[in-house]
């Protein structure tokens, strides 16, 4: 069986190519791994192929009156995020450290 190779890595800043929201990758599924109900809720004409990487994102909201959220997005709907301003999501600091060059790396878990 051929495995899908993810284009984006944990800690990558990405942007949704259609809706424009920004997010930070915190997990990757090599192919669709959500519920059928979730998948069926996407309009048929916009449904992505299940046989591609899907990314879990700490997603930033476009306006301050909306709450940050977790997004699940197919690789075909993501592009690199060239915006250098920080992504605002309350969970990022708990799971990532920002390096001096602006990259995000997962925090080491202490037992």
PDB file of N, CA and C in Angstrom:
ATOM      1  N   UNK A   1       0.842  -1.191   0.000  1.00  0.00           N
ATOM      2  CA  UNK A   1       0.000   0.000   0.000  1.00  0.00           C
ATOM      3  C   UNK A   1       0.884   1.249   0.000  1.00  0.00           C
ATOM      4  N   UNK A   2       0.623   2.154  -0.882  1.00  0.00           N
ATOM      5  CA  UNK A   2       1.378   3.395  -0.981  1.00  0.00           C
ATOM      6  C   UNK A   2       0.876   4.383   0.054  1.00  0.00           C
ATOM      7  N   UNK A   3       1.777   4.941   0.872  1.00  0.00           N
ATOM      8  CA  UNK A   3       1.398   5.898   1.904  1.00  0.00           C
ATOM      9  C   UNK A   3       1.498   7.316   1.346  1.00  0.00           C
ATOM     10  N   UNK A   4       0.563   8.152   1.772  1.00  0.00           N
ATOM     11  CA  UNK A   4       0.593   9.557   1.375  1.00  0.00           C
ATOM     12  C   UNK A   4       1.663  10.279   2.187  1.00  0.00           C
ATOM     13  N   UNK A   5       2.448  11.072   1.523  1.00  0.00           N
ATOM     14  CA  UNK A   5       3.487  11.844   2.209  1.00  0.00           C
ATOM     15  C   UNK A   5       2.971  13.263   2.392  1.00  0.00           C
ATOM     16  N   UNK A   6       2.962  13.687   3.646  1.00  0.00           N
ATOM     17  CA  UNK A   6       2.439  15.013   3.976  1.00  0.00           C
ATOM     18  C   UNK A   6       3.375  16.111   3.485  1.00  0.00           C
ATOM     19  N   UNK A   7       2.800  17.121   2.896  1.00  0.00           N
ATOM     20  CA  UNK A   7       3.543  18.275   2.394  1.00  0.00           C
ATOM     21  C   UNK A   7       3.952  19.201   3.541  1.00  0.00           C
ATOM     22  N   UNK A   8       3.096  19.302   4.567  1.00  0.00           N
ATOM     23  CA  UNK A   8       3.344  20.193   5.697  1.00  0.00           C
ATOM     24  C   UNK A   8       3.680  19.378   6.942  1.00  0.00           C
ATOM     25  N   UNK A   9       4.522  19.917   7.790  1.00  0.00           N
ATOM     26  CA  UNK A   9       4.965  19.229   8.999  1.00  0.00           C
ATOM     27  C   UNK A   9       4.335  19.850  10.244  1.00  0.00           C
ATOM     28  N   UNK A  10       4.463  19.149  11.353  1.00  0.00           N
ATOM     29  CA  UNK A  10       4.006  19.677  12.638  1.00  0.00           C
ATOM     30  C   UNK A  10       4.728  21.003  12.883  1.00  0.00           C
ATOM     31  N   UNK A  11       3.970  22.037  13.240  1.00  0.00           N
ATOM     32  CA  UNK A  11       4.543  23.356  13.483  1.00  0.00           C
ATOM     33  C   UNK A  11       4.525  24.279  12.275  1.00  0.00           C
ATOM     34  N   UNK A  12       4.071  23.789  11.133  1.00  0.00           N
ATOM     35  CA  UNK A  12       4.015  24.624   9.925  1.00  0.00           C
ATOM     36  C   UNK A  12       2.842  25.601  10.003  1.00  0.00           C
ATOM     37  N   UNK A  13       3.075  26.817   9.557  1.00  0.00           N
ATOM     38  CA  UNK A  13       2.019  27.822   9.447  1.00  0.00           C
ATOM     39  C   UNK A  13       1.422  27.702   8.049  1.00  0.00           C
ATOM     40  N   UNK A  14       0.110  27.542   7.991  1.00  0.00           N
ATOM     41  CA  UNK A  14      -0.578  27.356   6.713  1.00  0.00           C
ATOM     42  C   UNK A  14      -1.794  28.282   6.631  1.00  0.00           C
ATOM     43  N   UNK A  15      -2.332  28.354   5.428  1.00  0.00           N
ATOM     44  CA  UNK A  15      -3.501  29.188   5.171  1.00  0.00           C
ATOM     45  C   UNK A  15      -4.470  28.395   4.306  1.00  0.00           C
ATOM     46  N   UNK A  16      -5.757  28.514   4.605  1.00  0.00           N
ATOM     47  CA  UNK A  16      -6.765  27.828   3.793  1.00  0.00           C
ATOM     48  C   UNK A  16      -6.866  28.558   2.462  1.00  0.00           C
ATOM     49  N   UNK A  17      -6.756  27.819   1.363  1.00  0.00           N
ATOM     50  CA  UNK A  17      -6.701  28.469   0.041  1.00  0.00           C
ATOM     51  C   UNK A  17      -8.022  29.076  -0.383  1.00  0.00           C
ATOM     52  N   UNK A  18      -9.140  28.621   0.161  1.00  0.00           N
ATOM     53  CA  UNK A  18     -10.448  29.165  -0.203  1.00  0.00           C
ATOM     54  C   UNK A  18     -10.938  30.178   0.829  1.00  0.00           C
ATOM     55  N   UNK A  19     -10.920  29.786   2.097  1.00  0.00           N
ATOM     56  CA  UNK A  19     -11.503  30.628   3.145  1.00  0.00           C
ATOM     57  C   UNK A  19     -10.519  31.611   3.776  1.00  0.00           C
ATOM     58  N   UNK A  20      -9.236  31.430   3.535  1.00  0.00           N
ATOM     59  CA  UNK A  20      -8.232  32.404   3.947  1.00  0.00           C
ATOM     60  C   UNK A  20      -7.837  32.399   5.409  1.00  0.00           C
ATOM     61  N   UNK A  21      -8.413  31.523   6.240  1.00  0.00           N
ATOM     62  CA  UNK A  21      -7.995  31.534   7.641  1.00  0.00           C
ATOM     63  C   UNK A  21      -6.616  30.897   7.765  1.00  0.00           C
ATOM     64  N   UNK A  22      -5.897  31.321   8.797  1.00  0.00           N
ATOM     65  CA  UNK A  22      -4.549  30.831   9.045  1.00  0.00           C
ATOM     66  C   UNK A  22      -4.576  29.802  10.170  1.00  0.00           C
ATOM     67  N   UNK A  23      -3.589  28.911  10.174  1.00  0.00           N
ATOM     68  CA  UNK A  23      -3.526  27.921  11.234  1.00  0.00           C
ATOM     69  C   UNK A  23      -2.131  27.340  11.385  1.00  0.00           C
ATOM     70  N   UNK A  24      -1.928  26.681  12.526  1.00  0.00           N
ATOM     71  CA  UNK A  24      -0.667  26.028  12.829  1.00  0.00           C
ATOM     72  C   UNK A  24      -0.925  24.526  12.916  1.00  0.00           C
ATOM     73  N   UNK A  25      -0.181  23.740  12.135  1.00  0.00           N
ATOM     74  CA  UNK A  25      -0.360  22.290  12.107  1.00  0.00           C
ATOM     75  C   UNK A  25       0.098  21.687  13.429  1.00  0.00           C
ATOM     76  N   UNK A  26      -0.799  20.904  14.073  1.00  0.00           N
ATOM     77  CA  UNK A  26      -0.391  20.202  15.286  1.00  0.00           C
ATOM     78  C   UNK A  26      -0.515  18.689  15.169  1.00  0.00           C
ATOM     79  N   UNK A  27      -1.115  18.206  14.086  1.00  0.00           N
ATOM     80  CA  UNK A  27      -1.184  16.765  13.845  1.00  0.00           C
ATOM     81  C   UNK A  27      -1.510  16.546  12.372  1.00  0.00           C
ATOM     82  N   UNK A  28      -1.124  15.369  11.860  1.00  0.00           N
ATOM     83  CA  UNK A  28      -1.359  15.045  10.452  1.00  0.00           C
ATOM     84  C   UNK A  28      -1.871  13.607  10.363  1.00  0.00           C
ATOM     85  N   UNK A  29      -2.937  13.422   9.598  1.00  0.00           N
ATOM     86  CA  UNK A  29      -3.431  12.090   9.258  1.00  0.00           C
ATOM     87  C   UNK A  29      -3.003  11.816   7.821  1.00  0.00           C
ATOM     88  N   UNK A  30      -2.398  10.642   7.522  1.00  0.00           N
ATOM     89  CA  UNK A  30      -1.956  10.372   6.154  1.00  0.00           C
ATOM     90  C   UNK A  30      -3.100  10.314   5.145  1.00  0.00           C
ATOM     91  N   UNK A  31      -4.305  10.064   5.636  1.00  0.00           N
ATOM     92  CA  UNK A  31      -5.512  10.139   4.812  1.00  0.00           C
ATOM     93  C   UNK A  31      -6.673  10.453   5.748  1.00  0.00           C
ATOM     94  N   UNK A  32      -7.820  10.728   5.180  1.00  0.00           N
ATOM     95  CA  UNK A  32      -8.996  11.128   5.961  1.00  0.00           C
ATOM     96  C   UNK A  32      -9.231  10.172   7.126  1.00  0.00           C
ATOM     97  N   UNK A  33      -9.433  10.756   8.319  1.00  0.00           N
ATOM     98  CA  UNK A  33      -9.652   9.937   9.512  1.00  0.00           C
ATOM     99  C   UNK A  33     -10.655  10.618  10.447  1.00  0.00           C
ATOM    100  N   UNK A  34     -11.656  11.224   9.892  1.00  0.00           N
ATOM    101  CA  UNK A  34     -12.714  11.859  10.675  1.00  0.00           C
ATOM    102  C   UNK A  34     -13.978  11.032  10.455  1.00  0.00           C
ATOM    103  N   UNK A  35     -15.108  11.519  10.948  1.00  0.00           N
ATOM    104  CA  UNK A  35     -16.346  10.759  10.820  1.00  0.00           C
ATOM    105  C   UNK A  35     -16.977  10.930   9.439  1.00  0.00           C
ATOM    106  N   UNK A  36     -17.759   9.933   9.051  1.00  0.00           N
ATOM    107  CA  UNK A  36     -18.502  10.043   7.799  1.00  0.00           C
ATOM    108  C   UNK A  36     -19.495  11.196   7.871  1.00  0.00           C
ATOM    109  N   UNK A  37     -20.063  11.420   9.039  1.00  0.00           N
ATOM    110  CA  UNK A  37     -21.010  12.527   9.223  1.00  0.00           C
ATOM    111  C   UNK A  37     -20.330  13.865   8.914  1.00  0.00           C
ATOM    112  N   UNK A  38     -19.108  14.047   9.413  1.00  0.00           N
ATOM    113  CA  UNK A  38     -18.361  15.280   9.154  1.00  0.00           C
ATOM    114  C   UNK A  38     -18.127  15.426   7.649  1.00  0.00           C
ATOM    115  N   UNK A  39     -17.688  14.339   7.016  1.00  0.00           N
ATOM    116  CA  UNK A  39     -17.384  14.373   5.588  1.00  0.00           C
ATOM    117  C   UNK A  39     -18.631  14.680   4.758  1.00  0.00           C
ATOM    118  N   UNK A  40     -19.729  14.050   5.103  1.00  0.00           N
ATOM    119  CA  UNK A  40     -20.983  14.253   4.370  1.00  0.00           C
ATOM    120  C   UNK A  40     -21.548  15.662   4.568  1.00  0.00           C
ATOM    121  N   UNK A  41     -21.127  16.347   5.622  1.00  0.00           N
ATOM    122  CA  UNK A  41     -21.620  17.707   5.866  1.00  0.00           C
ATOM    123  C   UNK A  41     -20.999  18.733   4.901  1.00  0.00           C
ATOM    124  N   UNK A  42     -19.935  18.326   4.219  1.00  0.00           N
ATOM    125  CA  UNK A  42     -19.294  19.200   3.226  1.00  0.00           C
ATOM    126  C   UNK A  42     -20.110  19.114   1.937  1.00  0.00           C
ATOM    127  N   UNK A  43     -20.467  20.251   1.347  1.00  0.00           N
ATOM    128  CA  UNK A  43     -21.214  20.195   0.082  1.00  0.00           C
ATOM    129  C   UNK A  43     -20.473  19.322  -0.937  1.00  0.00           C
ATOM    130  N   UNK A  44     -21.206  18.483  -1.632  1.00  0.00           N
ATOM    131  CA  UNK A  44     -20.610  17.490  -2.540  1.00  0.00           C
ATOM    132  C   UNK A  44     -19.636  18.116  -3.541  1.00  0.00           C
ATOM    133  N   UNK A  45     -19.979  19.276  -4.065  1.00  0.00           N
ATOM    134  CA  UNK A  45     -19.106  19.913  -5.057  1.00  0.00           C
ATOM    135  C   UNK A  45     -17.793  20.419  -4.451  1.00  0.00           C
ATOM    136  N   UNK A  46     -17.718  20.509  -3.137  1.00  0.00           N
ATOM    137  CA  UNK A  46     -16.510  20.998  -2.476  1.00  0.00           C
ATOM    138  C   UNK A  46     -15.780  19.913  -1.686  1.00  0.00           C
ATOM    139  N   UNK A  47     -16.319  18.698  -1.665  1.00  0.00           N
ATOM    140  CA  UNK A  47     -15.729  17.596  -0.886  1.00  0.00           C
ATOM    141  C   UNK A  47     -14.367  17.188  -1.427  1.00  0.00           C
ATOM    142  N   UNK A  48     -13.358  17.195  -0.569  1.00  0.00           N
ATOM    143  CA  UNK A  48     -12.034  16.752  -1.021  1.00  0.00           C
ATOM    144  C   UNK A  48     -11.950  15.226  -1.073  1.00  0.00           C
ATOM    145  N   UNK A  49     -11.006  14.738  -1.834  1.00  0.00           N
ATOM    146  CA  UNK A  49     -10.725  13.311  -1.894  1.00  0.00           C
ATOM    147  C   UNK A  49     -10.225  12.864  -0.519  1.00  0.00           C
ATOM    148  N   UNK A  50     -10.660  11.702  -0.050  1.00  0.00           N
ATOM    149  CA  UNK A  50     -10.234  11.197   1.257  1.00  0.00           C
ATOM    150  C   UNK A  50      -8.807  10.659   1.235  1.00  0.00           C
ATOM    151  N   UNK A  51      -8.303  10.326   0.056  1.00  0.00           N
ATOM    152  CA  UNK A  51      -6.990   9.705  -0.056  1.00  0.00           C
ATOM    153  C   UNK A  51      -5.884  10.743  -0.213  1.00  0.00           C
ATOM    154  N   UNK A  52      -5.727  11.560   0.798  1.00  0.00           N
ATOM    155  CA  UNK A  52      -4.680  12.573   0.843  1.00  0.00           C
ATOM    156  C   UNK A  52      -4.471  12.932   2.304  1.00  0.00           C
ATOM    157  N   UNK A  53      -3.346  13.558   2.648  1.00  0.00           N
ATOM    158  CA  UNK A  53      -3.165  13.972   4.044  1.00  0.00           C
ATOM    159  C   UNK A  53      -4.221  14.993   4.463  1.00  0.00           C
ATOM    160  N   UNK A  54      -4.637  14.883   5.721  1.00  0.00           N
ATOM    161  CA  UNK A  54      -5.530  15.849   6.366  1.00  0.00           C
ATOM    162  C   UNK A  54      -4.812  16.375   7.596  1.00  0.00           C
ATOM    163  N   UNK A  55      -4.972  17.663   7.844  1.00  0.00           N
ATOM    164  CA  UNK A  55      -4.225  18.345   8.888  1.00  0.00           C
ATOM    165  C   UNK A  55      -5.143  18.868   9.986  1.00  0.00           C
ATOM    166  N   UNK A  56      -4.679  18.703  11.231  1.00  0.00           N
ATOM    167  CA  UNK A  56      -5.352  19.278  12.390  1.00  0.00           C
ATOM    168  C   UNK A  56      -4.646  20.614  12.648  1.00  0.00           C
ATOM    169  N   UNK A  57      -5.422  21.684  12.698  1.00  0.00           N
ATOM    170  CA  UNK A  57      -4.847  23.018  12.840  1.00  0.00           C
ATOM    171  C   UNK A  57      -5.398  23.747  14.052  1.00  0.00           C
ATOM    172  N   UNK A  58      -4.518  24.478  14.744  1.00  0.00           N
ATOM    173  CA  UNK A  58      -4.973  25.508  15.658  1.00  0.00           C
ATOM    174  C   UNK A  58      -5.306  26.677  14.744  1.00  0.00           C
ATOM    175  N   UNK A  59      -6.588  26.922  14.537  1.00  0.00           N
ATOM    176  CA  UNK A  59      -7.021  27.905  13.545  1.00  0.00           C
ATOM    177  C   UNK A  59      -7.294  29.258  14.185  1.00  0.00           C
ATOM    178  N   UNK A  60      -6.900  30.277  13.484  1.00  0.00           N
ATOM    179  CA  UNK A  60      -7.093  31.654  13.919  1.00  0.00           C
ATOM    180  C   UNK A  60      -8.406  32.168  13.337  1.00  0.00           C
ATOM    181  N   UNK A  61      -9.119  32.936  14.099  1.00  0.00           N
ATOM    182  CA  UNK A  61     -10.368  33.504  13.602  1.00  0.00           C
ATOM    183  C   UNK A  61     -10.108  34.882  12.996  1.00  0.00           C
ATOM    184  N   UNK A  62     -10.887  35.241  11.985  1.00  0.00           N
ATOM    185  CA  UNK A  62     -10.654  36.518  11.305  1.00  0.00           C
ATOM    186  C   UNK A  62     -11.065  37.747  12.108  1.00  0.00           C
ATOM    187  N   UNK A  63     -11.917  37.570  13.116  1.00  0.00           N
ATOM    188  CA  UNK A  63     -12.328  38.739  13.894  1.00  0.00           C
ATOM    189  C   UNK A  63     -12.314  38.419  15.389  1.00  0.00           C
ATOM    190  N   UNK A  64     -12.092  39.434  16.220  1.00  0.00           N
ATOM    191  CA  UNK A  64     -11.967  39.224  17.666  1.00  0.00           C
ATOM    192  C   UNK A  64     -13.251  38.724  18.342  1.00  0.00           C
ATOM    193  N   UNK A  65     -14.401  38.880  17.706  1.00  0.00           N
ATOM    194  CA  UNK A  65     -15.646  38.431  18.338  1.00  0.00           C
ATOM    195  C   UNK A  65     -15.917  36.941  18.103  1.00  0.00           C
ATOM    196  N   UNK A  66     -15.035  36.241  17.396  1.00  0.00           N
ATOM    197  CA  UNK A  66     -15.174  34.799  17.177  1.00  0.00           C
ATOM    198  C   UNK A  66     -14.156  34.058  18.034  1.00  0.00           C
ATOM    199  N   UNK A  67     -14.483  32.834  18.412  1.00  0.00           N
ATOM    200  CA  UNK A  67     -13.578  32.025  19.232  1.00  0.00           C
ATOM    201  C   UNK A  67     -12.609  31.250  18.351  1.00  0.00           C
ATOM    202  N   UNK A  68     -11.353  31.105  18.801  1.00  0.00           N
ATOM    203  CA  UNK A  68     -10.413  30.256  18.069  1.00  0.00           C
ATOM    204  C   UNK A  68     -10.951  28.823  18.056  1.00  0.00           C
ATOM    205  N   UNK A  69     -10.526  28.040  17.090  1.00  0.00           N
ATOM    206  CA  UNK A  69     -11.064  26.699  16.940  1.00  0.00           C
ATOM    207  C   UNK A  69     -10.011  25.753  16.386  1.00  0.00           C
ATOM    208  N   UNK A  70     -10.373  24.471  16.348  1.00  0.00           N
ATOM    209  CA  UNK A  70      -9.548  23.441  15.733  1.00  0.00           C
ATOM    210  C   UNK A  70     -10.160  23.149  14.366  1.00  0.00           C
ATOM    211  N   UNK A  71      -9.337  23.174  13.329  1.00  0.00           N
ATOM    212  CA  UNK A  71      -9.811  22.888  11.969  1.00  0.00           C
ATOM    213  C   UNK A  71      -9.201  21.573  11.495  1.00  0.00           C
ATOM    214  N   UNK A  72      -9.924  20.896  10.633  1.00  0.00           N
ATOM    215  CA  UNK A  72      -9.459  19.654  10.001  1.00  0.00           C
ATOM    216  C   UNK A  72      -9.549  19.890   8.500  1.00  0.00           C
ATOM    217  N   UNK A  73      -8.390  19.976   7.835  1.00  0.00           N
ATOM    218  CA  UNK A  73      -8.351  20.456   6.458  1.00  0.00           C
ATOM    219  C   UNK A  73      -7.524  19.526   5.571  1.00  0.00           C
ATOM    220  N   UNK A  74      -8.038  19.273   4.379  1.00  0.00           N
ATOM    221  CA  UNK A  74      -7.314  18.447   3.400  1.00  0.00           C
ATOM    222  C   UNK A  74      -6.117  19.218   2.857  1.00  0.00           C
ATOM    223  N   UNK A  75      -5.106  18.463   2.452  1.00  0.00           N
ATOM    224  CA  UNK A  75      -3.898  19.090   1.921  1.00  0.00           C
ATOM    225  C   UNK A  75      -4.198  19.963   0.702  1.00  0.00           C
ATOM    226  N   UNK A  76      -5.138  19.523  -0.154  1.00  0.00           N
ATOM    227  CA  UNK A  76      -5.441  20.289  -1.371  1.00  0.00           C
ATOM    228  C   UNK A  76      -5.978  21.679  -1.063  1.00  0.00           C
ATOM    229  N   UNK A  77      -6.461  21.897   0.154  1.00  0.00           N
ATOM    230  CA  UNK A  77      -7.031  23.191   0.515  1.00  0.00           C
ATOM    231  C   UNK A  77      -6.087  24.060   1.343  1.00  0.00           C
ATOM    232  N   UNK A  78      -4.824  23.671   1.429  1.00  0.00           N
ATOM    233  CA  UNK A  78      -3.861  24.464   2.187  1.00  0.00           C
ATOM    234  C   UNK A  78      -2.756  25.000   1.290  1.00  0.00           C
ATOM    235  N   UNK A  79      -2.270  26.175   1.659  1.00  0.00           N
ATOM    236  CA  UNK A  79      -1.102  26.787   1.023  1.00  0.00           C
ATOM    237  C   UNK A  79      -0.191  27.279   2.144  1.00  0.00           C
ATOM    238  N   UNK A  80       1.100  27.470   1.858  1.00  0.00           N
ATOM    239  CA  UNK A  80       1.982  28.011   2.892  1.00  0.00           C
ATOM    240  C   UNK A  80       1.498  29.400   3.321  1.00  0.00           C
ATOM    241  N   UNK A  81       1.673  29.708   4.591  1.00  0.00           N
ATOM    242  CA  UNK A  81       1.285  31.020   5.112  1.00  0.00           C
ATOM    243  C   UNK A  81       2.514  31.918   5.096  1.00  0.00           C
ATOM    244  N   UNK A  82       2.494  32.935   4.254  1.00  0.00           N
ATOM    245  CA  UNK A  82       3.626  33.852   4.139  1.00  0.00           C
ATOM    246  C   UNK A  82       3.519  35.046   5.075  1.00  0.00           C
ATOM    247  N   UNK A  83       2.397  35.162   5.779  1.00  0.00           N
ATOM    248  CA  UNK A  83       2.190  36.258   6.722  1.00  0.00           C
ATOM    249  C   UNK A  83       3.124  36.047   7.915  1.00  0.00           C
ATOM    250  N   UNK A  84       3.929  37.037   8.242  1.00  0.00           N
ATOM    251  CA  UNK A  84       4.894  36.893   9.332  1.00  0.00           C
ATOM    252  C   UNK A  84       4.323  37.265  10.697  1.00  0.00           C
ATOM    253  N   UNK A  85       3.099  37.778  10.744  1.00  0.00           N
ATOM    254  CA  UNK A  85       2.514  38.102  12.045  1.00  0.00           C
ATOM    255  C   UNK A  85       2.151  36.798  12.756  1.00  0.00           C
ATOM    256  N   UNK A  86       2.176  36.807  14.100  1.00  0.00           N
ATOM    257  CA  UNK A  86       1.905  35.559  14.824  1.00  0.00           C
ATOM    258  C   UNK A  86       0.468  35.080  14.650  1.00  0.00           C
ATOM    259  N   UNK A  87       0.301  33.771  14.613  1.00  0.00           N
ATOM    260  CA  UNK A  87      -1.036  33.179  14.591  1.00  0.00           C
ATOM    261  C   UNK A  87      -1.553  33.217  16.019  1.00  0.00           C
ATOM    262  N   UNK A  88      -2.761  33.720  16.181  1.00  0.00           N
ATOM    263  CA  UNK A  88      -3.350  33.859  17.515  1.00  0.00           C
ATOM    264  C   UNK A  88      -4.281  32.691  17.813  1.00  0.00           C
ATOM    265  N   UNK A  89      -3.876  31.860  18.751  1.00  0.00           N
ATOM    266  CA  UNK A  89      -4.712  30.755  19.235  1.00  0.00           C
ATOM    267  C   UNK A  89      -4.216  30.426  20.641  1.00  0.00           C
ATOM    268  N   UNK A  90      -5.113  30.308  21.623  1.00  0.00           N
ATOM    269  CA  UNK A  90      -4.679  30.122  23.012  1.00  0.00           C
ATOM    270  C   UNK A  90      -3.929  28.818  23.279  1.00  0.00           C
ATOM    271  N   UNK A  91      -4.079  27.788  22.472  1.00  0.00           N
ATOM    272  CA  UNK A  91      -3.424  26.504  22.737  1.00  0.00           C
ATOM    273  C   UNK A  91      -2.005  26.406  22.175  1.00  0.00           C
ATOM    274  N   UNK A  92      -1.606  27.326  21.344  1.00  0.00           N
ATOM    275  CA  UNK A  92      -0.287  27.236  20.714  1.00  0.00           C
ATOM    276  C   UNK A  92       0.821  27.234  21.764  1.00  0.00           C
ATOM    277  N   UNK A  93       0.763  28.134  22.733  1.00  0.00           N
ATOM    278  CA  UNK A  93       1.840  28.232  23.734  1.00  0.00           C
ATOM    279  C   UNK A  93       1.954  26.986  24.596  1.00  0.00           C
ATOM    280  N   UNK A  94       0.843  26.265  24.773  1.00  0.00           N
ATOM    281  CA  UNK A  94       0.881  25.040  25.569  1.00  0.00           C
ATOM    282  C   UNK A  94       1.606  23.909  24.840  1.00  0.00           C
ATOM    283  N   UNK A  95       1.509  23.871  23.525  1.00  0.00           N
ATOM    284  CA  UNK A  95       2.042  22.759  22.756  1.00  0.00           C
ATOM    285  C   UNK A  95       3.304  23.067  21.949  1.00  0.00           C
ATOM    286  N   UNK A  96       3.600  24.359  21.731  1.00  0.00           N
ATOM    287  CA  UNK A  96       4.736  24.735  20.893  1.00  0.00           C
ATOM    288  C   UNK A  96       5.602  25.804  21.536  1.00  0.00           C
ATOM    289  N   UNK A  97       6.868  25.781  21.146  1.00  0.00           N
ATOM    290  CA  UNK A  97       7.799  26.853  21.476  1.00  0.00           C
ATOM    291  C   UNK A  97       8.164  27.538  20.168  1.00  0.00           C
ATOM    292  N   UNK A  98       8.308  28.841  20.220  1.00  0.00           N
ATOM    293  CA  UNK A  98       8.698  29.578  19.019  1.00  0.00           C
ATOM    294  C   UNK A  98      10.209  29.778  19.054  1.00  0.00           C
ATOM    295  N   UNK A  99      10.878  29.423  17.971  1.00  0.00           N
ATOM    296  CA  UNK A  99      12.326  29.567  17.904  1.00  0.00           C
ATOM    297  C   UNK A  99      12.701  31.002  17.537  1.00  0.00           C
ATOM    298  N   UNK A 100      13.970  31.327  17.659  1.00  0.00           N
ATOM    299  CA  UNK A 100      14.427  32.682  17.362  1.00  0.00           C
ATOM    300  C   UNK A 100      14.212  33.065  15.899  1.00  0.00           C
ATOM    301  N   UNK A 101      14.130  32.068  15.014  1.00  0.00           N
ATOM    302  CA  UNK A 101      13.905  32.372  13.595  1.00  0.00           C
ATOM    303  C   UNK A 101      12.423  32.332  13.217  1.00  0.00           C
ATOM    304  N   UNK A 102      11.524  32.228  14.226  1.00  0.00           N
ATOM    305  CA  UNK A 102      10.095  32.314  13.981  1.00  0.00           C
ATOM    306  C   UNK A 102       9.386  31.000  13.727  1.00  0.00           C
ATOM    307  N   UNK A 103      10.120  29.878  13.710  1.00  0.00           N
ATOM    308  CA  UNK A 103       9.484  28.579  13.514  1.00  0.00           C
ATOM    309  C   UNK A 103       8.867  28.097  14.832  1.00  0.00           C
ATOM    310  N   UNK A 104       7.943  27.143  14.714  1.00  0.00           N
ATOM    311  CA  UNK A 104       7.328  26.542  15.894  1.00  0.00           C
ATOM    312  C   UNK A 104       7.804  25.096  16.009  1.00  0.00           C
ATOM    313  N   UNK A 105       8.234  24.721  17.225  1.00  0.00           N
ATOM    314  CA  UNK A 105       8.623  23.333  17.475  1.00  0.00           C
ATOM    315  C   UNK A 105       7.801  22.814  18.655  1.00  0.00           C
ATOM    316  N   UNK A 106       7.439  21.528  18.608  1.00  0.00           N
ATOM    317  CA  UNK A 106       6.645  20.976  19.725  1.00  0.00           C
ATOM    318  C   UNK A 106       7.400  21.066  21.043  1.00  0.00           C
ATOM    319  N   UNK A 107       6.679  21.402  22.110  1.00  0.00           N
ATOM    320  CA  UNK A 107       7.275  21.422  23.456  1.00  0.00           C
ATOM    321  C   UNK A 107       7.559  19.999  23.883  1.00  0.00           C
ATOM    322  N   UNK A 108       8.626  19.832  24.632  1.00  0.00           N
ATOM    323  CA  UNK A 108       8.961  18.534  25.192  1.00  0.00           C
ATOM    324  C   UNK A 108       8.064  18.291  26.397  1.00  0.00           C
ATOM    325  N   UNK A 109       7.472  17.118  26.468  1.00  0.00           N
ATOM    326  CA  UNK A 109       6.610  16.751  27.600  1.00  0.00           C
ATOM    327  C   UNK A 109       7.481  16.294  28.760  1.00  0.00           C
ATOM    328  N   UNK A 110       7.188  16.784  29.958  1.00  0.00           N
ATOM    329  CA  UNK A 110       7.899  16.363  31.159  1.00  0.00           C
ATOM    330  C   UNK A 110       6.996  15.404  31.939  1.00  0.00           C
ATOM    331  N   UNK A 111       7.577  14.329  32.427  1.00  0.00           N
ATOM    332  CA  UNK A 111       6.797  13.364  33.221  1.00  0.00           C
ATOM    333  C   UNK A 111       6.974  13.621  34.697  1.00  0.00           C
TER     334      UNK A 111
END
